[in-house]
Amino acid sequence: MSSELRVGVYVDVENMARNGGYGMRYDVLREFAARGNADPVRLNAYVAFDYARSQTDQQYRDNAFNFHSALRDFGYKVIQKPVKWYVDESGSPYGKANADLDMAVDALLQSEKLDRVLLATGDGDFVQVVRALQNRGCRVEVVAFANVSAELRREADMYLSGYLIPNMQPLGGEGRWGDVGSRVRGVCYSYSHDRSFGFLRFLKEIRPGLWNIDTRRDNSPYASAFAHESEFPKEIDVNKLPSREHVFEFTLISSDRGLQAKDLAVTRHA
């Protein structure tokens, strides 16, 4: 009998795209969900599709077809939610496709044969779903980018910003993520106000042991980079560092201090 962990991945594609995840790599999401040789037995991607528009807009139809085909190539089941049109108080039409109910029901029904569930959404409506999945014995992880419900983050067994997962949201720079010369993203976990410098922690690669955040340990999946106060963007109040609420993008260089962060930019504010 296989001892592999069985994983289910449920992605609210529209929620992710609207909130910082446009252009994210779904193959990397799959790799992250299956870290530790887990078996991704369910990969569900819930997408909005405007059938009426597809009849008259060939570019929209072709783009949607290509995107959905790419998702299927990565092993995802594509669940299309039709866009429904409404009129607001000012008389302006607006479209909406709600995947919440289908995604919640599918996750709950399929969780009986799952050990771990990854929800790719920042929607606070999933708080009760997280609790129900946990009561069924599943470990629940949440990945999202921006505008993430604080309660959802608290309820999940693990929350990780998609910005921090290597290569999930592609960056420029030279070399492989984590190598000298590459651009990576991380958070400031330590800062000395007396000495005007801090340290940024970033995930080196996708692998198990995400709890092992001590970068001094050889088996930690994380590494740290020195950053002088002068490298932090002007909009950042260093008096409020360290903070988990800012995700920084930076270039790794080699120095006598080890890895050093240069050309810092803010990817996300809380």
Protein backbone atom coordinates (compact mmCIF):
# COMPACT_ATOMS: atom_id res chain seq x y z
CA MET A 1 0.00 0.00 0.00
CA SER A 2 1.33 3.44 -0.92
CA SER A 3 2.36 5.70 1.96
CA GLU A 4 2.30 8.85 -0.17
CA LEU A 5 0.30 11.78 1.08
CA ARG A 6 -2.74 12.41 -1.09
CA VAL A 7 -3.19 16.07 -1.97
CA GLY A 8 -6.09 18.03 -3.41
CA VAL A 9 -5.58 21.46 -5.00
CA TYR A 10 -8.51 23.83 -5.52
CA VAL A 11 -7.86 27.09 -7.36
CA ASP A 12 -10.23 30.05 -7.65
CA VAL A 13 -8.57 31.30 -10.83
CA GLU A 14 -10.48 34.59 -11.02
CA ASN A 15 -9.82 35.47 -7.39
CA MET A 16 -6.12 34.79 -7.84
CA ALA A 17 -5.87 36.75 -11.10
CA ARG A 18 -7.70 39.78 -9.69
CA ASN A 19 -5.55 39.88 -6.57
CA GLY A 20 -1.93 39.84 -7.65
CA GLY A 21 -1.76 36.39 -9.22
CA TYR A 22 -2.20 37.29 -12.88
CA GLY A 23 0.43 35.39 -14.86
CA MET A 24 1.19 32.93 -12.07
CA ARG A 25 2.65 29.57 -13.08
CA TYR A 26 0.25 26.72 -12.39
CA ASP A 27 2.95 24.10 -12.89
CA VAL A 28 4.86 25.65 -9.98
CA LEU A 29 1.70 25.65 -7.85
CA ARG A 30 1.33 21.93 -8.56
CA GLU A 31 4.98 21.33 -7.69
CA PHE A 32 4.57 23.24 -4.43
CA ALA A 33 1.41 21.36 -3.47
CA ALA A 34 3.10 18.01 -4.16
CA ARG A 35 6.36 18.79 -2.33
CA GLY A 36 7.70 15.85 -0.34
CA ASN A 37 6.66 13.35 -3.03
CA ALA A 38 2.97 13.82 -2.28
CA ASP A 39 0.47 12.58 -4.85
CA PRO A 40 -1.75 15.36 -6.30
CA VAL A 41 -4.85 13.24 -6.87
CA ARG A 42 -7.18 16.23 -7.35
CA LEU A 43 -6.24 19.40 -9.23
CA ASN A 44 -9.30 21.59 -9.80
CA ALA A 45 -9.14 25.00 -11.47
CA TYR A 46 -12.36 27.04 -11.42
CA VAL A 47 -12.46 29.56 -14.28
CA ALA A 48 -14.95 32.19 -15.43
CA PHE A 49 -16.09 31.94 -19.03
CA ASP A 50 -18.33 34.38 -20.86
CA TYR A 51 -20.18 32.20 -23.38
CA ALA A 52 -21.96 35.16 -24.99
CA ARG A 53 -18.70 37.04 -25.55
CA SER A 54 -17.03 33.93 -26.93
CA GLN A 55 -19.56 33.88 -29.77
CA THR A 56 -18.50 37.30 -31.07
CA ASP A 57 -14.95 37.84 -29.78
CA GLN A 58 -12.56 35.38 -31.39
CA GLN A 59 -9.50 36.67 -29.53
CA TYR A 60 -11.26 36.15 -26.19
CA ARG A 61 -12.33 32.67 -27.27
CA ASP A 62 -8.83 31.74 -28.46
CA ASN A 63 -7.12 33.12 -25.36
CA ALA A 64 -9.49 31.23 -23.08
CA PHE A 65 -9.04 28.03 -25.07
CA ASN A 66 -5.25 28.29 -24.91
CA PHE A 67 -5.25 29.06 -21.18
CA HIS A 68 -7.62 26.22 -20.34
CA SER A 69 -5.59 23.85 -22.53
CA ALA A 70 -2.40 24.82 -20.67
CA LEU A 71 -4.10 24.11 -17.35
CA ARG A 72 -5.14 20.68 -18.59
CA ASP A 73 -1.59 20.03 -19.79
CA PHE A 74 -0.45 20.55 -16.18
CA GLY A 75 -3.01 18.01 -15.01
CA TYR A 76 -5.76 20.34 -13.81
CA LYS A 77 -9.43 19.65 -14.28
CA VAL A 78 -10.93 22.88 -15.64
CA ILE A 79 -14.36 23.73 -14.24
CA GLN A 80 -15.95 26.54 -16.23
CA LYS A 81 -18.30 28.90 -14.41
CA PRO A 82 -20.50 30.92 -16.77
CA VAL A 83 -20.37 34.69 -16.45
CA LYS A 84 -23.80 36.07 -15.60
CA TRP A 85 -24.64 39.67 -16.38
CA TYR A 86 -26.42 42.07 -14.05
CA VAL A 87 -27.23 45.78 -13.95
CA ASP A 88 -26.12 47.93 -11.04
CA GLU A 89 -27.98 50.87 -9.48
CA SER A 90 -26.58 53.29 -12.04
CA GLY A 91 -27.79 51.14 -14.92
CA SER A 92 -24.33 49.88 -15.87
CA PRO A 93 -23.98 46.18 -16.71
CA TYR A 94 -21.45 44.03 -14.90
CA GLY A 95 -20.51 40.38 -15.18
CA LYS A 96 -19.96 37.92 -12.37
CA ALA A 97 -19.03 34.25 -12.16
CA ASN A 98 -19.05 32.83 -8.65
CA ALA A 99 -17.01 29.67 -8.14
CA ASP A 100 -17.11 29.70 -4.33
CA LEU A 101 -19.94 27.23 -3.83
CA ASP A 102 -18.74 24.66 -6.36
CA MET A 103 -15.18 24.86 -5.08
CA ALA A 104 -16.27 24.47 -1.45
CA VAL A 105 -18.58 21.53 -2.17
CA ASP A 106 -15.98 19.73 -4.29
CA ALA A 107 -13.27 20.15 -1.65
CA LEU A 108 -15.54 18.82 1.09
CA LEU A 109 -16.87 15.87 -0.93
CA GLN A 110 -13.43 14.84 -2.17
CA SER A 111 -11.60 15.39 1.14
CA GLU A 112 -12.50 11.92 2.42
CA LYS A 113 -9.64 10.50 0.36
CA LEU A 114 -7.20 13.38 0.90
CA ASP A 115 -4.54 14.03 3.51
CA ARG A 116 -3.74 17.60 2.54
CA VAL A 117 -5.78 20.29 0.81
CA LEU A 118 -4.35 23.42 -0.78
CA LEU A 119 -6.79 26.25 -1.39
CA ALA A 120 -5.55 28.91 -3.81
CA THR A 121 -7.77 31.84 -2.86
CA GLY A 122 -7.75 34.78 -0.50
CA ASP A 123 -11.53 34.83 -0.06
CA GLY A 124 -12.68 34.95 3.55
CA ASP A 125 -15.81 33.00 2.62
CA PHE A 126 -13.65 29.87 2.80
CA VAL A 127 -12.98 30.13 6.54
CA GLN A 128 -15.78 27.69 7.39
CA VAL A 129 -14.61 25.37 4.61
CA VAL A 130 -11.14 25.30 6.16
CA ARG A 131 -12.60 24.37 9.54
CA ALA A 132 -14.76 21.65 8.04
CA LEU A 133 -11.81 20.15 6.16
CA GLN A 134 -9.71 20.19 9.32
CA ASN A 135 -12.49 18.43 11.21
CA ARG A 136 -12.35 15.72 8.55
CA GLY A 137 -8.67 15.20 9.33
CA CYS A 138 -7.12 17.16 6.46
CA ARG A 139 -4.23 19.56 6.75
CA VAL A 140 -5.28 22.76 5.00
CA GLU A 141 -2.84 25.12 3.32
CA VAL A 142 -3.71 28.45 1.71
CA VAL A 143 -1.76 30.20 -1.03
CA ALA A 144 -2.74 33.66 -2.26
CA PHE A 145 -1.16 36.96 -3.24
CA ALA A 146 -2.97 40.18 -2.26
CA ASN A 147 -6.16 41.16 -0.42
CA VAL A 148 -6.07 37.96 1.62
CA SER A 149 -8.60 37.56 4.42
CA ALA A 150 -6.83 37.82 7.79
CA GLU A 151 -9.24 35.27 9.27
CA LEU A 152 -8.53 32.82 6.44
CA ARG A 153 -4.80 33.16 7.11
CA ARG A 154 -5.33 32.44 10.80
CA GLU A 155 -7.55 29.41 10.25
CA ALA A 156 -5.28 27.66 7.74
CA ASP A 157 -2.70 25.20 9.02
CA MET A 158 -0.25 27.08 6.84
CA TYR A 159 -0.54 30.27 4.81
CA LEU A 160 2.16 31.25 2.33
CA SER A 161 2.15 34.23 0.01
CA GLY A 162 2.40 33.17 -3.60
CA TYR A 163 4.99 35.91 -4.08
CA LEU A 164 7.39 33.95 -1.84
CA ILE A 165 7.16 30.64 -3.71
CA PRO A 166 10.16 30.37 -6.05
CA ASN A 167 9.23 31.10 -9.68
CA MET A 168 5.48 31.08 -9.08
CA GLN A 169 5.28 34.72 -10.13
CA PRO A 170 8.20 35.07 -12.59
CA LEU A 171 10.90 37.68 -11.99
CA GLY A 172 13.74 39.13 -14.04
CA GLY A 173 17.38 38.84 -13.08
CA GLU A 174 20.16 36.48 -13.97
CA GLY A 175 20.41 32.81 -13.11
CA ARG A 176 18.21 30.49 -11.13
CA TRP A 177 16.12 31.77 -8.21
CA GLY A 178 18.40 31.83 -5.14
CA ASP A 179 21.66 32.03 -7.07
CA VAL A 180 23.91 35.08 -6.90
CA GLY A 181 22.63 37.59 -9.45
CA SER A 182 19.05 36.37 -9.35
CA ARG A 183 15.98 38.32 -8.23
CA VAL A 184 14.04 36.78 -5.36
CA ARG A 185 11.32 37.79 -2.91
CA GLY A 186 11.40 37.61 0.85
CA VAL A 187 10.46 39.26 4.14
CA CYS A 188 12.49 41.22 6.69
CA TYR A 189 12.59 38.98 9.75
CA SER A 190 15.35 40.78 11.70
CA TYR A 191 16.38 44.42 11.95
CA SER A 192 18.89 46.25 14.16
CA HIS A 193 17.84 49.87 14.61
CA ASP A 194 21.07 50.68 16.44
CA ARG A 195 23.23 49.36 13.60
CA SER A 196 20.93 50.28 10.70
CA PHE A 197 20.75 46.94 8.95
CA GLY A 198 18.53 43.91 8.76
CA PHE A 199 18.16 40.48 7.24
CA LEU A 200 15.72 39.23 4.63
CA ARG A 201 14.60 35.61 4.55
CA PHE A 202 13.64 33.91 1.30
CA LEU A 203 12.69 30.41 0.23
CA LYS A 204 15.60 28.90 -1.71
CA GLU A 205 13.64 26.15 -3.42
CA ILE A 206 10.43 24.15 -3.18
CA ARG A 207 10.95 21.30 -0.75
CA PRO A 208 9.55 19.93 2.53
CA GLY A 209 10.31 21.40 5.94
CA LEU A 210 8.80 24.85 5.52
CA TRP A 211 8.53 25.03 9.32
CA ASN A 212 12.35 25.07 9.50
CA ILE A 213 12.84 28.83 9.18
CA ASP A 214 16.23 28.97 10.95
CA THR A 215 18.52 29.79 8.04
CA ARG A 216 21.57 28.76 10.07
CA ARG A 217 20.51 25.14 9.73
CA ASP A 218 21.89 23.29 6.73
CA ASN A 219 18.58 21.51 6.15
CA SER A 220 16.46 24.67 6.14
CA PRO A 221 14.77 25.41 2.80
CA TYR A 222 15.33 29.11 3.54
CA ALA A 223 18.32 31.43 3.21
CA SER A 224 18.93 34.96 4.45
CA ALA A 225 20.50 38.06 2.94
CA PHE A 226 21.99 41.11 4.65
CA ALA A 227 20.39 44.47 3.82
CA HIS A 228 21.66 47.91 4.84
CA GLU A 229 19.12 50.57 5.74
CA SER A 230 20.06 52.54 2.61
CA GLU A 231 18.82 49.69 0.41
CA PHE A 232 15.24 49.79 1.66
CA PRO A 233 12.74 51.73 -0.48
CA LYS A 234 11.95 55.26 0.69
CA GLU A 235 8.30 54.42 1.30
CA ILE A 236 9.29 51.89 3.98
CA ASP A 237 9.50 53.15 7.56
CA VAL A 238 12.44 51.14 8.87
CA ASN A 239 11.33 51.95 12.43
CA LYS A 240 8.52 49.45 11.85
CA LEU A 241 10.88 46.67 10.79
CA PRO A 242 11.07 43.73 11.12
CA SER A 243 7.68 42.97 9.63
CA ARG A 244 6.00 40.10 7.86
CA GLU A 245 3.58 42.51 6.24
CA HIS A 246 5.89 43.62 3.44
CA VAL A 247 7.16 41.37 0.68
CA PHE A 248 10.38 42.67 -0.84
CA GLU A 249 11.87 41.89 -4.23
CA PHE A 250 15.66 42.13 -4.40
CA THR A 251 18.82 41.06 -6.21
CA LEU A 252 21.23 38.70 -4.49
CA ILE A 253 24.91 39.61 -4.54
CA SER A 254 27.92 38.07 -2.85
CA SER A 255 29.78 40.12 -0.23
CA ASP A 256 32.07 39.65 2.76
CA ARG A 257 28.89 39.30 4.82
CA GLY A 258 27.68 36.43 2.65
CA LEU A 259 24.55 37.00 0.60
CA GLN A 260 23.48 40.62 0.41
CA ALA A 261 20.25 42.16 -0.87
CA LYS A 262 20.49 45.01 -3.39
CA ASP A 263 17.95 47.05 -5.36
CA LEU A 264 15.08 46.39 -2.98
CA ALA A 265 11.52 47.07 -4.13
CA VAL A 266 8.21 46.51 -2.38
CA THR A 267 6.13 43.80 -4.00
CA ARG A 268 3.23 44.02 -1.58
CA HIS A 269 2.10 46.07 1.40
CA ALA A 270 -0.27 44.62 3.96
